[in-house]
Amino acid sequence: MAKKQVRDDAVQERDFFADVMAVVRQIPRGRVTSYGAIAKYLGAARSARIVGYCMNNSHTVRPAVPAHRVVNSAGILSGKHHFGPDDRMRKLLEKEGIRVKDDQVIDFAARFWDPLAELAL
């Protein structure tokens, strides 16, 4: 009977939350990305909502995660209520030079950071 061979490239268990945090930490100042772009980069294109759940809990991890740089696919600050009062998400973005009007990133396409294009898989 032949021995079973273990493949070196066997699928490893992944921590999706940690993977999301690792991607978000790489978003440069003055740029934004979307929940869906992060999910697609991680090979889970239909998991944008789960990326959103990860962002909701990002304040619990260290080192810090710039979750304010993650918006929805239209550039809307859909997670702003998780940042507390006084439009904190908008203020954080504006501090980085991103203009926001009516809770939407102005010139979203120019500010968009696509992890598929920017990061090596």
Protein backbone atom coordinates (compact mmCIF):
# COMPACT_ATOMS: atom_id res chain seq x y z
CA MET A 1 0.00 0.00 0.00
CA ALA A 2 1.43 3.40 -0.98
CA LYS A 3 2.02 6.04 1.67
CA LYS A 4 -0.10 9.16 1.55
CA GLN A 5 1.91 12.15 0.51
CA VAL A 6 1.29 15.47 2.21
CA ARG A 7 1.39 18.35 -0.22
CA ASP A 8 3.54 21.31 0.77
CA ASP A 9 0.87 23.65 -0.56
CA ALA A 10 -1.90 22.08 1.54
CA VAL A 11 -4.63 24.54 2.45
CA GLN A 12 -3.90 26.23 5.76
CA GLU A 13 -6.65 27.42 8.06
CA ARG A 14 -6.97 31.19 7.71
CA ASP A 15 -8.03 33.81 10.19
CA PHE A 16 -10.22 36.03 8.01
CA PHE A 17 -10.42 38.78 10.65
CA ALA A 18 -6.61 38.95 10.91
CA ASP A 19 -6.30 38.93 7.11
CA VAL A 20 -8.72 41.87 6.84
CA MET A 21 -6.81 43.81 9.50
CA ALA A 22 -3.52 43.15 7.66
CA VAL A 23 -4.93 44.57 4.41
CA VAL A 24 -6.48 47.63 6.08
CA ARG A 25 -3.19 48.46 7.81
CA GLN A 26 -1.63 48.83 4.34
CA ILE A 27 -4.06 51.45 3.03
CA PRO A 28 -1.97 54.61 2.61
CA ARG A 29 -2.90 57.91 4.25
CA GLY A 30 -5.11 59.96 1.97
CA ARG A 31 -6.56 56.90 0.21
CA VAL A 32 -9.69 54.80 0.75
CA THR A 33 -10.87 51.37 -0.27
CA SER A 34 -14.13 49.47 -0.05
CA TYR A 35 -15.34 46.48 1.91
CA GLY A 36 -15.85 44.62 -1.35
CA ALA A 37 -12.36 45.36 -2.67
CA ILE A 38 -10.86 43.90 0.51
CA ALA A 39 -13.10 40.82 0.29
CA LYS A 40 -12.22 40.30 -3.37
CA TYR A 41 -8.50 40.61 -2.63
CA LEU A 42 -8.84 37.95 0.07
CA GLY A 43 -10.54 35.57 -2.36
CA ALA A 44 -13.97 35.98 -0.78
CA ALA A 45 -15.65 38.36 -3.22
CA ARG A 46 -19.11 37.84 -1.73
CA SER A 47 -17.97 38.64 1.80
CA ALA A 48 -18.03 42.44 1.80
CA ARG A 49 -20.53 42.40 4.67
CA ILE A 50 -18.19 40.23 6.74
CA VAL A 51 -15.39 42.72 6.08
CA GLY A 52 -17.77 45.35 7.45
CA TYR A 53 -18.29 43.28 10.60
CA CYS A 54 -14.51 43.05 10.94
CA MET A 55 -14.27 46.84 10.66
CA ASN A 56 -16.92 47.20 13.38
CA ASN A 57 -14.58 45.33 15.73
CA SER A 58 -11.30 46.76 14.52
CA HIS A 59 -11.05 49.09 17.51
CA THR A 60 -10.30 46.03 19.67
CA VAL A 61 -7.01 45.09 17.99
CA ARG A 62 -3.45 46.33 18.27
CA PRO A 63 -1.59 47.65 16.45
CA ALA A 64 -4.27 50.12 15.46
CA VAL A 65 -6.21 49.72 12.22
CA PRO A 66 -7.15 52.77 10.08
CA ALA A 67 -10.74 51.56 9.65
CA HIS A 68 -11.85 55.08 8.70
CA ARG A 69 -10.23 54.46 5.29
CA VAL A 70 -12.78 51.74 4.43
CA VAL A 71 -16.04 52.89 2.85
CA ASN A 72 -18.73 51.29 0.73
CA SER A 73 -18.44 50.75 -3.02
CA ALA A 74 -19.94 54.17 -3.78
CA GLY A 75 -17.54 55.99 -1.45
CA ILE A 76 -20.17 56.52 1.24
CA LEU A 77 -19.16 56.53 4.90
CA SER A 78 -21.60 53.74 5.69
CA GLY A 79 -19.78 52.71 8.86
CA LYS A 80 -19.56 56.19 10.34
CA HIS A 81 -21.83 55.42 13.30
CA HIS A 82 -19.19 52.97 14.61
CA PHE A 83 -16.71 55.82 15.09
CA GLY A 84 -18.69 57.61 17.77
CA PRO A 85 -20.18 61.08 17.86
CA ASP A 86 -19.21 64.28 16.12
CA ASP A 87 -18.54 62.86 12.65
CA ARG A 88 -15.26 61.31 13.77
CA MET A 89 -14.85 59.20 10.60
CA ARG A 90 -15.29 62.24 8.37
CA LYS A 91 -12.87 64.27 10.49
CA LEU A 92 -10.22 61.53 10.34
CA LEU A 93 -10.50 61.37 6.55
CA GLU A 94 -10.41 65.14 6.18
CA LYS A 95 -7.29 65.26 8.39
CA GLU A 96 -5.66 63.07 5.72
CA GLY A 97 -6.71 65.39 2.91
CA ILE A 98 -9.80 63.48 1.78
CA ARG A 99 -12.78 65.73 1.12
CA VAL A 100 -16.19 64.47 2.18
CA LYS A 101 -19.57 65.96 1.36
CA ASP A 102 -22.89 64.57 2.60
CA ASP A 103 -21.04 61.49 3.97
CA GLN A 104 -19.53 60.65 0.58
CA VAL A 105 -15.87 60.82 -0.47
CA ILE A 106 -15.42 63.49 -3.12
CA ASP A 107 -13.39 62.25 -6.09
CA PHE A 108 -13.74 58.68 -4.85
CA ALA A 109 -12.27 57.11 -8.01
CA ALA A 110 -9.07 59.15 -7.69
CA ARG A 111 -8.74 58.34 -3.98
CA PHE A 112 -9.58 54.65 -4.37
CA TRP A 113 -6.88 52.18 -3.34
CA ASP A 114 -7.38 48.74 -4.88
CA PRO A 115 -5.55 46.01 -2.94
CA LEU A 116 -5.64 43.74 -6.00
CA ALA A 117 -3.59 46.28 -7.93
CA GLU A 118 -1.44 47.53 -5.06
CA LEU A 119 -0.54 44.37 -3.13
CA ALA A 120 1.12 41.18 -4.28
CA LEU A 121 -1.01 38.14 -3.56
